[in-house]
Amino acid sequence: MKTPYFTVKDIIQITGITKRSLHYYDKTDILKPTKVEVNGYRYYDQEALGNLQMILLFKEMNFALKDIAAMMKLSKKEQKEILKEHRSTLVQRKQRLEIIIDQLDEYVDGTDIVHLNMFDDSPIQSIQEQYDSEAKLVYGDTEKYQEFKKNVNRLSTEEQQEAYQQFSINMEKVLRKLVQHQDQSPASVEVQKYIREWKSCLETFMVCDAEILTCIAEVYVTDRRYSGFFAQFGDEDFLRFLYEAIMAWVKDGEPQNEKM
């Protein structure tokens, strides 16, 4: 029986590969044509077609082309040993993707980015750690930051986590109360009462003077990372309302009826 040869068009029709990819495999010696006619036409025999199918299989398994080229030189037994190891990698990647999908769903549903566990088991620092590093770079030489770190460092790792978690819960409660009074003046007694609660949350870790409160208020409206967090509490005007309420506190101080 005469050995059948397949043209490039035949190979494309059989496998679905593109002509460009086939030529690239030829150029990089991953898969050479069985023969090339004088006119430049490439032809592939059944063995070459089988090798191409293996290449495409490895590619679907997420191997890099350079690794595929090396694997094609190995025996079937050696290939299977590599595939066994690769399976473990894929399983780990699958587990990682499931975590990412869960975290994505949580974020879309309104969970703030700082509460996501996206970077667990990753060389990338968690969002909370990134915020801490950023704060150290920006405010590290200030007296208030040193006070904050001193108070935090007194706590164990577990106590710090509990403190941050309770801080988040308390802060969210206050913000939900504030948004219910968004129709009032930011300087009103009722709104300022909740600003006092908001300030008390911050003072879990440090005393907040007018300078710190002003800084926080300005960060809220200038740093886009906060817009997603505050969107879960109110409309796009809520951040401006909160900013004005904080600045009213900074300007006028604690409401008189709250001091009595």
C-alpha atoms as a PDB file:
ATOM      1  CA  MET A   1       0.000   0.000   0.000  1.00  0.00           C
ATOM      2  CA  LYS A   2       1.317   3.379  -0.951  1.00  0.00           C
ATOM      3  CA  THR A   3       2.054   5.664   1.998  1.00  0.00           C
ATOM      4  CA  PRO A   4      -0.515   8.492   1.953  1.00  0.00           C
ATOM      5  CA  TYR A   5       0.718  12.023   2.153  1.00  0.00           C
ATOM      6  CA  PHE A   6      -1.287  14.954   3.412  1.00  0.00           C
ATOM      7  CA  THR A   7      -0.983  18.485   2.103  1.00  0.00           C
ATOM      8  CA  VAL A   8      -1.003  21.503   4.384  1.00  0.00           C
ATOM      9  CA  LYS A   9      -4.640  22.002   3.444  1.00  0.00           C
ATOM     10  CA  ASP A  10      -5.402  18.407   4.423  1.00  0.00           C
ATOM     11  CA  ILE A  11      -3.695  18.830   7.807  1.00  0.00           C
ATOM     12  CA  ILE A  12      -5.641  22.020   8.477  1.00  0.00           C
ATOM     13  CA  GLN A  13      -8.894  20.288   7.592  1.00  0.00           C
ATOM     14  CA  ILE A  14      -8.137  17.249   9.766  1.00  0.00           C
ATOM     15  CA  THR A  15      -6.822  18.999  12.892  1.00  0.00           C
ATOM     16  CA  GLY A  16      -8.142  22.563  12.786  1.00  0.00           C
ATOM     17  CA  ILE A  17      -4.646  23.998  13.191  1.00  0.00           C
ATOM     18  CA  THR A  18      -3.851  27.213  11.343  1.00  0.00           C
ATOM     19  CA  LYS A  19      -1.470  27.396   8.423  1.00  0.00           C
ATOM     20  CA  ARG A  20       0.588  29.945  10.311  1.00  0.00           C
ATOM     21  CA  SER A  21       1.031  27.579  13.279  1.00  0.00           C
ATOM     22  CA  LEU A  22       2.004  24.711  11.027  1.00  0.00           C
ATOM     23  CA  HIS A  23       4.649  26.824   9.334  1.00  0.00           C
ATOM     24  CA  TYR A  24       5.891  28.000  12.743  1.00  0.00           C
ATOM     25  CA  TYR A  25       6.276  24.398  13.925  1.00  0.00           C
ATOM     26  CA  ASP A  26       8.322  23.736  10.801  1.00  0.00           C
ATOM     27  CA  LYS A  27      10.484  26.827  11.317  1.00  0.00           C
ATOM     28  CA  THR A  28      11.201  25.959  14.965  1.00  0.00           C
ATOM     29  CA  ASP A  29      11.774  22.244  14.246  1.00  0.00           C
ATOM     30  CA  ILE A  30       8.873  21.125  16.432  1.00  0.00           C
ATOM     31  CA  LEU A  31       7.300  19.367  13.470  1.00  0.00           C
ATOM     32  CA  LYS A  32       9.000  19.169  10.090  1.00  0.00           C
ATOM     33  CA  PRO A  33       7.143  18.120   6.914  1.00  0.00           C
ATOM     34  CA  THR A  34       7.849  14.571   5.805  1.00  0.00           C
ATOM     35  CA  LYS A  35       8.932  15.924   2.484  1.00  0.00           C
ATOM     36  CA  VAL A  36       9.071  19.215   0.617  1.00  0.00           C
ATOM     37  CA  GLU A  37       8.718  19.292  -3.145  1.00  0.00           C
ATOM     38  CA  VAL A  38      10.818  21.473  -5.442  1.00  0.00           C
ATOM     39  CA  ASN A  39       7.911  23.870  -5.745  1.00  0.00           C
ATOM     40  CA  GLY A  40       7.951  24.334  -1.956  1.00  0.00           C
ATOM     41  CA  TYR A  41       4.806  22.328  -1.233  1.00  0.00           C
ATOM     42  CA  ARG A  42       4.924  20.575   2.135  1.00  0.00           C
ATOM     43  CA  TYR A  43       3.654  17.027   2.642  1.00  0.00           C
ATOM     44  CA  TYR A  44       3.087  15.088   5.847  1.00  0.00           C
ATOM     45  CA  ASP A  45       2.755  11.328   6.295  1.00  0.00           C
ATOM     46  CA  GLN A  46       0.622   9.532   8.917  1.00  0.00           C
ATOM     47  CA  GLU A  47       3.453   9.454  11.441  1.00  0.00           C
ATOM     48  CA  ALA A  48       3.847  13.226  11.143  1.00  0.00           C
ATOM     49  CA  LEU A  49       0.090  13.633  11.580  1.00  0.00           C
ATOM     50  CA  GLY A  50       0.241  11.494  14.727  1.00  0.00           C
ATOM     51  CA  ASN A  51       3.090  13.610  16.076  1.00  0.00           C
ATOM     52  CA  LEU A  52       1.115  16.767  15.362  1.00  0.00           C
ATOM     53  CA  GLN A  53      -1.832  15.382  17.279  1.00  0.00           C
ATOM     54  CA  MET A  54       0.463  14.725  20.245  1.00  0.00           C
ATOM     55  CA  ILE A  55       1.814  18.283  20.007  1.00  0.00           C
ATOM     56  CA  LEU A  56      -1.709  19.682  20.035  1.00  0.00           C
ATOM     57  CA  LEU A  57      -2.585  17.474  23.010  1.00  0.00           C
ATOM     58  CA  PHE A  58       0.426  18.721  24.973  1.00  0.00           C
ATOM     59  CA  LYS A  59      -0.445  22.285  24.005  1.00  0.00           C
ATOM     60  CA  GLU A  60      -3.964  21.841  25.390  1.00  0.00           C
ATOM     61  CA  MET A  61      -2.367  20.577  28.598  1.00  0.00           C
ATOM     62  CA  ASN A  62      -0.707  23.996  28.892  1.00  0.00           C
ATOM     63  CA  PHE A  63       2.868  22.971  28.083  1.00  0.00           C
ATOM     64  CA  ALA A  64       5.085  25.650  26.574  1.00  0.00           C
ATOM     65  CA  LEU A  65       6.205  25.009  22.995  1.00  0.00           C
ATOM     66  CA  LYS A  66       9.854  24.712  24.024  1.00  0.00           C
ATOM     67  CA  ASP A  67       8.858  21.974  26.493  1.00  0.00           C
ATOM     68  CA  ILE A  68       6.751  20.262  23.856  1.00  0.00           C
ATOM     69  CA  ALA A  69       9.716  20.253  21.462  1.00  0.00           C
ATOM     70  CA  ALA A  70      11.823  18.526  24.136  1.00  0.00           C
ATOM     71  CA  MET A  71       9.063  16.037  24.960  1.00  0.00           C
ATOM     72  CA  MET A  72       8.656  15.011  21.343  1.00  0.00           C
ATOM     73  CA  LYS A  73      12.205  13.640  21.460  1.00  0.00           C
ATOM     74  CA  LEU A  74      11.393  11.361  24.409  1.00  0.00           C
ATOM     75  CA  SER A  75       9.978   7.868  24.492  1.00  0.00           C
ATOM     76  CA  LYS A  76       6.294   7.274  25.271  1.00  0.00           C
ATOM     77  CA  LYS A  77       7.249   6.013  28.721  1.00  0.00           C
ATOM     78  CA  GLU A  78       9.262   9.139  29.463  1.00  0.00           C
ATOM     79  CA  GLN A  79       6.427  11.312  28.193  1.00  0.00           C
ATOM     80  CA  LYS A  80       3.953   9.591  30.512  1.00  0.00           C
ATOM     81  CA  GLU A  81       6.200  10.170  33.523  1.00  0.00           C
ATOM     82  CA  ILE A  82       6.276  13.872  32.737  1.00  0.00           C
ATOM     83  CA  LEU A  83       2.512  13.902  32.265  1.00  0.00           C
ATOM     84  CA  LYS A  84       2.004  12.336  35.695  1.00  0.00           C
ATOM     85  CA  GLU A  85       3.972  15.171  37.284  1.00  0.00           C
ATOM     86  CA  HIS A  86       2.172  17.731  35.152  1.00  0.00           C
ATOM     87  CA  ARG A  87      -1.182  16.379  36.320  1.00  0.00           C
ATOM     88  CA  SER A  88      -0.324  17.365  39.888  1.00  0.00           C
ATOM     89  CA  THR A  89       0.477  20.866  38.691  1.00  0.00           C
ATOM     90  CA  LEU A  90      -2.847  21.081  36.857  1.00  0.00           C
ATOM     91  CA  VAL A  91      -4.756  19.899  39.925  1.00  0.00           C
ATOM     92  CA  GLN A  92      -3.107  22.617  42.014  1.00  0.00           C
ATOM     93  CA  ARG A  93      -3.903  25.160  39.319  1.00  0.00           C
ATOM     94  CA  LYS A  94      -7.517  23.964  39.248  1.00  0.00           C
ATOM     95  CA  GLN A  95      -7.796  24.437  43.013  1.00  0.00           C
ATOM     96  CA  ARG A  96      -6.266  27.885  42.674  1.00  0.00           C
ATOM     97  CA  LEU A  97      -8.742  28.811  39.917  1.00  0.00           C
ATOM     98  CA  GLU A  98     -11.657  27.666  42.064  1.00  0.00           C
ATOM     99  CA  ILE A  99     -10.456  29.997  44.826  1.00  0.00           C
ATOM    100  CA  ILE A 100     -10.099  32.857  42.347  1.00  0.00           C
ATOM    101  CA  ILE A 101     -13.614  32.267  40.997  1.00  0.00           C
ATOM    102  CA  ASP A 102     -15.038  32.243  44.545  1.00  0.00           C
ATOM    103  CA  GLN A 103     -13.183  35.470  45.358  1.00  0.00           C
ATOM    104  CA  LEU A 104     -14.373  37.036  42.113  1.00  0.00           C
ATOM    105  CA  ASP A 105     -17.975  36.197  43.021  1.00  0.00           C
ATOM    106  CA  GLU A 106     -17.503  37.716  46.476  1.00  0.00           C
ATOM    107  CA  TYR A 107     -16.041  40.898  45.007  1.00  0.00           C
ATOM    108  CA  VAL A 108     -18.866  41.252  42.471  1.00  0.00           C
ATOM    109  CA  ASP A 109     -21.363  40.720  45.311  1.00  0.00           C
ATOM    110  CA  GLY A 110     -19.872  43.674  47.196  1.00  0.00           C
ATOM    111  CA  THR A 111     -17.072  42.325  49.386  1.00  0.00           C
ATOM    112  CA  ASP A 112     -14.330  44.911  49.764  1.00  0.00           C
ATOM    113  CA  ILE A 113     -10.991  44.027  48.163  1.00  0.00           C
ATOM    114  CA  VAL A 114      -9.212  44.188  51.529  1.00  0.00           C
ATOM    115  CA  HIS A 115     -11.340  41.285  52.771  1.00  0.00           C
ATOM    116  CA  LEU A 116     -10.563  38.989  49.867  1.00  0.00           C
ATOM    117  CA  ASN A 117      -8.131  36.091  50.220  1.00  0.00           C
ATOM    118  CA  MET A 118      -6.971  36.293  46.624  1.00  0.00           C
ATOM    119  CA  PHE A 119      -3.274  36.255  47.474  1.00  0.00           C
ATOM    120  CA  ASP A 120      -3.278  33.488  50.062  1.00  0.00           C
ATOM    121  CA  ASP A 121      -0.606  30.890  49.241  1.00  0.00           C
ATOM    122  CA  SER A 122       0.924  33.360  46.810  1.00  0.00           C
ATOM    123  CA  PRO A 123       4.254  35.237  46.759  1.00  0.00           C
ATOM    124  CA  ILE A 124       2.143  38.366  46.226  1.00  0.00           C
ATOM    125  CA  GLN A 125       1.294  40.079  49.505  1.00  0.00           C
ATOM    126  CA  SER A 126      -2.361  40.207  50.593  1.00  0.00           C
ATOM    127  CA  ILE A 127      -4.233  43.457  49.966  1.00  0.00           C
ATOM    128  CA  GLN A 128      -4.107  44.218  53.688  1.00  0.00           C
ATOM    129  CA  GLU A 129      -0.336  43.671  53.697  1.00  0.00           C
ATOM    130  CA  GLN A 130      -0.014  45.881  50.605  1.00  0.00           C
ATOM    131  CA  TYR A 131      -2.010  48.632  52.323  1.00  0.00           C
ATOM    132  CA  ASP A 132       0.194  48.284  55.409  1.00  0.00           C
ATOM    133  CA  SER A 133       3.352  48.529  53.285  1.00  0.00           C
ATOM    134  CA  GLU A 134       1.966  51.522  51.429  1.00  0.00           C
ATOM    135  CA  ALA A 135       1.056  53.250  54.696  1.00  0.00           C
ATOM    136  CA  LYS A 136       4.551  52.625  56.047  1.00  0.00           C
ATOM    137  CA  LEU A 137       6.133  54.205  52.976  1.00  0.00           C
ATOM    138  CA  VAL A 138       3.807  57.237  52.987  1.00  0.00           C
ATOM    139  CA  TYR A 139       3.351  57.859  56.702  1.00  0.00           C
ATOM    140  CA  GLY A 140       6.186  55.885  58.276  1.00  0.00           C
ATOM    141  CA  ASP A 141       8.040  58.905  59.640  1.00  0.00           C
ATOM    142  CA  THR A 142       4.970  60.518  61.209  1.00  0.00           C
ATOM    143  CA  GLU A 143       4.214  60.441  64.926  1.00  0.00           C
ATOM    144  CA  LYS A 144       0.691  59.101  64.336  1.00  0.00           C
ATOM    145  CA  TYR A 145       1.893  56.186  62.252  1.00  0.00           C
ATOM    146  CA  GLN A 146       4.464  55.267  64.896  1.00  0.00           C
ATOM    147  CA  GLU A 147       1.666  55.369  67.469  1.00  0.00           C
ATOM    148  CA  PHE A 148      -0.476  53.107  65.289  1.00  0.00           C
ATOM    149  CA  LYS A 149       2.308  50.549  64.789  1.00  0.00           C
ATOM    150  CA  LYS A 150       3.175  50.596  68.484  1.00  0.00           C
ATOM    151  CA  ASN A 151      -0.424  49.770  69.409  1.00  0.00           C
ATOM    152  CA  VAL A 152      -0.723  47.072  66.760  1.00  0.00           C
ATOM    153  CA  ASN A 153       2.587  45.442  67.672  1.00  0.00           C
ATOM    154  CA  ARG A 154       1.404  44.980  71.224  1.00  0.00           C
ATOM    155  CA  LEU A 155      -1.070  42.437  69.890  1.00  0.00           C
ATOM    156  CA  SER A 156      -0.356  38.868  68.813  1.00  0.00           C
ATOM    157  CA  THR A 157      -0.978  37.902  65.184  1.00  0.00           C
ATOM    158  CA  GLU A 158      -4.289  36.330  66.160  1.00  0.00           C
ATOM    159  CA  GLU A 159      -5.288  39.392  68.184  1.00  0.00           C
ATOM    160  CA  GLN A 160      -4.384  41.650  65.270  1.00  0.00           C
ATOM    161  CA  GLN A 161      -6.619  39.641  62.941  1.00  0.00           C
ATOM    162  CA  GLU A 162      -9.470  39.780  65.439  1.00  0.00           C
ATOM    163  CA  ALA A 163      -8.951  43.518  65.913  1.00  0.00           C
ATOM    164  CA  TYR A 164      -8.966  44.196  62.152  1.00  0.00           C
ATOM    165  CA  GLN A 165     -12.056  42.032  61.726  1.00  0.00           C
ATOM    166  CA  GLN A 166     -13.932  43.799  64.530  1.00  0.00           C
ATOM    167  CA  PHE A 167     -12.784  47.152  63.147  1.00  0.00           C
ATOM    168  CA  SER A 168     -14.275  46.257  59.755  1.00  0.00           C
ATOM    169  CA  ILE A 169     -17.565  45.152  61.301  1.00  0.00           C
ATOM    170  CA  ASN A 170     -17.872  48.326  63.367  1.00  0.00           C
ATOM    171  CA  MET A 171     -16.896  50.542  60.462  1.00  0.00           C
ATOM    172  CA  GLU A 172     -19.458  48.972  58.135  1.00  0.00           C
ATOM    173  CA  LYS A 173     -22.205  49.445  60.739  1.00  0.00           C
ATOM    174  CA  VAL A 174     -21.400  53.137  61.027  1.00  0.00           C
ATOM    175  CA  LEU A 175     -21.294  53.647  57.271  1.00  0.00           C
ATOM    176  CA  ARG A 176     -24.683  51.962  56.857  1.00  0.00           C
ATOM    177  CA  LYS A 177     -26.107  54.338  59.456  1.00  0.00           C
ATOM    178  CA  LEU A 178     -24.536  57.327  57.710  1.00  0.00           C
ATOM    179  CA  VAL A 179     -25.972  56.473  54.319  1.00  0.00           C
ATOM    180  CA  GLN A 180     -29.458  56.462  55.840  1.00  0.00           C
ATOM    181  CA  HIS A 181     -28.952  60.133  56.712  1.00  0.00           C
ATOM    182  CA  GLN A 182     -27.480  61.191  53.381  1.00  0.00           C
ATOM    183  CA  ASP A 183     -30.497  63.443  52.780  1.00  0.00           C
ATOM    184  CA  GLN A 184     -29.466  65.595  55.738  1.00  0.00           C
ATOM    185  CA  SER A 185     -26.779  68.243  55.908  1.00  0.00           C
ATOM    186  CA  PRO A 186     -23.305  66.736  56.459  1.00  0.00           C
ATOM    187  CA  ALA A 187     -22.929  69.189  59.342  1.00  0.00           C
ATOM    188  CA  SER A 188     -26.211  68.218  61.040  1.00  0.00           C
ATOM    189  CA  VAL A 189     -26.143  66.968  64.622  1.00  0.00           C
ATOM    190  CA  GLU A 190     -27.450  63.537  63.598  1.00  0.00           C
ATOM    191  CA  VAL A 191     -24.818  63.022  60.895  1.00  0.00           C
ATOM    192  CA  GLN A 192     -22.045  64.303  63.138  1.00  0.00           C
ATOM    193  CA  LYS A 193     -23.095  61.798  65.806  1.00  0.00           C
ATOM    194  CA  TYR A 194     -22.227  58.991  63.400  1.00  0.00           C
ATOM    195  CA  ILE A 195     -19.013  60.717  62.365  1.00  0.00           C
ATOM    196  CA  ARG A 196     -18.104  60.529  66.032  1.00  0.00           C
ATOM    197  CA  GLU A 197     -18.712  56.748  65.916  1.00  0.00           C
ATOM    198  CA  TRP A 198     -16.649  56.526  62.713  1.00  0.00           C
ATOM    199  CA  LYS A 199     -13.815  58.413  64.429  1.00  0.00           C
ATOM    200  CA  SER A 200     -14.071  56.086  67.441  1.00  0.00           C
ATOM    201  CA  CYS A 201     -13.556  53.093  65.132  1.00  0.00           C
ATOM    202  CA  LEU A 202     -10.352  54.619  63.838  1.00  0.00           C
ATOM    203  CA  GLU A 203      -9.197  55.335  67.369  1.00  0.00           C
ATOM    204  CA  THR A 204      -9.137  51.629  68.090  1.00  0.00           C
ATOM    205  CA  PHE A 205      -5.503  51.927  67.015  1.00  0.00           C
ATOM    206  CA  MET A 206      -4.580  55.602  67.378  1.00  0.00           C
ATOM    207  CA  VAL A 207      -5.828  59.046  68.348  1.00  0.00           C
ATOM    208  CA  CYS A 208      -7.112  60.891  65.291  1.00  0.00           C
ATOM    209  CA  ASP A 209      -6.489  64.627  65.254  1.00  0.00           C
ATOM    210  CA  ALA A 210      -7.719  67.103  62.651  1.00  0.00           C
ATOM    211  CA  GLU A 211      -4.699  66.502  60.404  1.00  0.00           C
ATOM    212  CA  ILE A 212      -5.232  62.736  60.279  1.00  0.00           C
ATOM    213  CA  LEU A 213      -8.988  63.065  59.740  1.00  0.00           C
ATOM    214  CA  THR A 214      -8.429  65.521  56.888  1.00  0.00           C
ATOM    215  CA  CYS A 215      -5.911  63.183  55.302  1.00  0.00           C
ATOM    216  CA  ILE A 216      -8.304  60.226  55.514  1.00  0.00           C
ATOM    217  CA  ALA A 217     -11.197  62.260  54.107  1.00  0.00           C
ATOM    218  CA  GLU A 218      -9.102  63.388  51.139  1.00  0.00           C
ATOM    219  CA  VAL A 219      -7.856  59.854  50.459  1.00  0.00           C
ATOM    220  CA  TYR A 220     -11.464  58.635  50.389  1.00  0.00           C
ATOM    221  CA  VAL A 221     -12.344  60.922  47.487  1.00  0.00           C
ATOM    222  CA  THR A 222      -9.042  60.878  45.583  1.00  0.00           C
ATOM    223  CA  ASP A 223      -7.972  57.220  45.749  1.00  0.00           C
ATOM    224  CA  ARG A 224     -10.096  55.228  43.290  1.00  0.00           C
ATOM    225  CA  ARG A 225      -9.512  52.022  45.257  1.00  0.00           C
ATOM    226  CA  TYR A 226     -12.018  53.224  47.833  1.00  0.00           C
ATOM    227  CA  SER A 227     -14.851  53.799  45.364  1.00  0.00           C
ATOM    228  CA  GLY A 228     -15.592  50.066  45.042  1.00  0.00           C
ATOM    229  CA  PHE A 229     -15.693  49.644  48.808  1.00  0.00           C
ATOM    230  CA  PHE A 230     -18.041  52.572  49.438  1.00  0.00           C
ATOM    231  CA  ALA A 231     -20.303  51.618  46.515  1.00  0.00           C
ATOM    232  CA  GLN A 232     -21.787  48.861  48.666  1.00  0.00           C
ATOM    233  CA  PHE A 233     -23.182  51.433  51.090  1.00  0.00           C
ATOM    234  CA  GLY A 234     -24.626  54.142  48.886  1.00  0.00           C
ATOM    235  CA  ASP A 235     -24.727  55.823  45.498  1.00  0.00           C
ATOM    236  CA  GLU A 236     -21.913  57.732  43.824  1.00  0.00           C
ATOM    237  CA  ASP A 237     -22.674  60.824  45.943  1.00  0.00           C
ATOM    238  CA  PHE A 238     -22.067  59.023  49.250  1.00  0.00           C
ATOM    239  CA  LEU A 239     -18.292  59.476  49.214  1.00  0.00           C
ATOM    240  CA  ARG A 240     -18.647  63.241  48.729  1.00  0.00           C
ATOM    241  CA  PHE A 241     -21.245  63.341  51.520  1.00  0.00           C
ATOM    242  CA  LEU A 242     -18.895  61.425  53.833  1.00  0.00           C
ATOM    243  CA  TYR A 243     -16.001  63.729  52.948  1.00  0.00           C
ATOM    244  CA  GLU A 244     -18.063  66.835  53.735  1.00  0.00           C
ATOM    245  CA  ALA A 245     -19.299  65.300  56.998  1.00  0.00           C
ATOM    246  CA  ILE A 246     -15.730  64.527  58.120  1.00  0.00           C
ATOM    247  CA  MET A 247     -14.555  68.011  57.158  1.00  0.00           C
ATOM    248  CA  ALA A 248     -17.476  69.514  59.114  1.00  0.00           C
ATOM    249  CA  TRP A 249     -16.229  67.647  62.166  1.00  0.00           C
ATOM    250  CA  VAL A 250     -12.684  68.889  61.553  1.00  0.00           C
ATOM    251  CA  LYS A 251     -13.940  72.463  61.242  1.00  0.00           C
ATOM    252  CA  ASP A 252     -16.410  72.589  64.126  1.00  0.00           C
ATOM    253  CA  GLY A 253     -15.316  69.731  66.373  1.00  0.00           C
ATOM    254  CA  GLU A 254     -17.620  67.558  68.439  1.00  0.00           C
ATOM    255  CA  PRO A 255     -21.290  68.690  68.422  1.00  0.00           C
ATOM    256  CA  GLN A 256     -22.193  70.615  71.570  1.00  0.00           C
ATOM    257  CA  ASN A 257     -25.053  68.298  72.594  1.00  0.00           C
ATOM    258  CA  GLU A 258     -22.654  65.352  72.400  1.00  0.00           C
ATOM    259  CA  LYS A 259     -20.300  67.011  74.871  1.00  0.00           C
ATOM    260  CA  MET A 260     -23.018  67.524  77.441  1.00  0.00           C
END
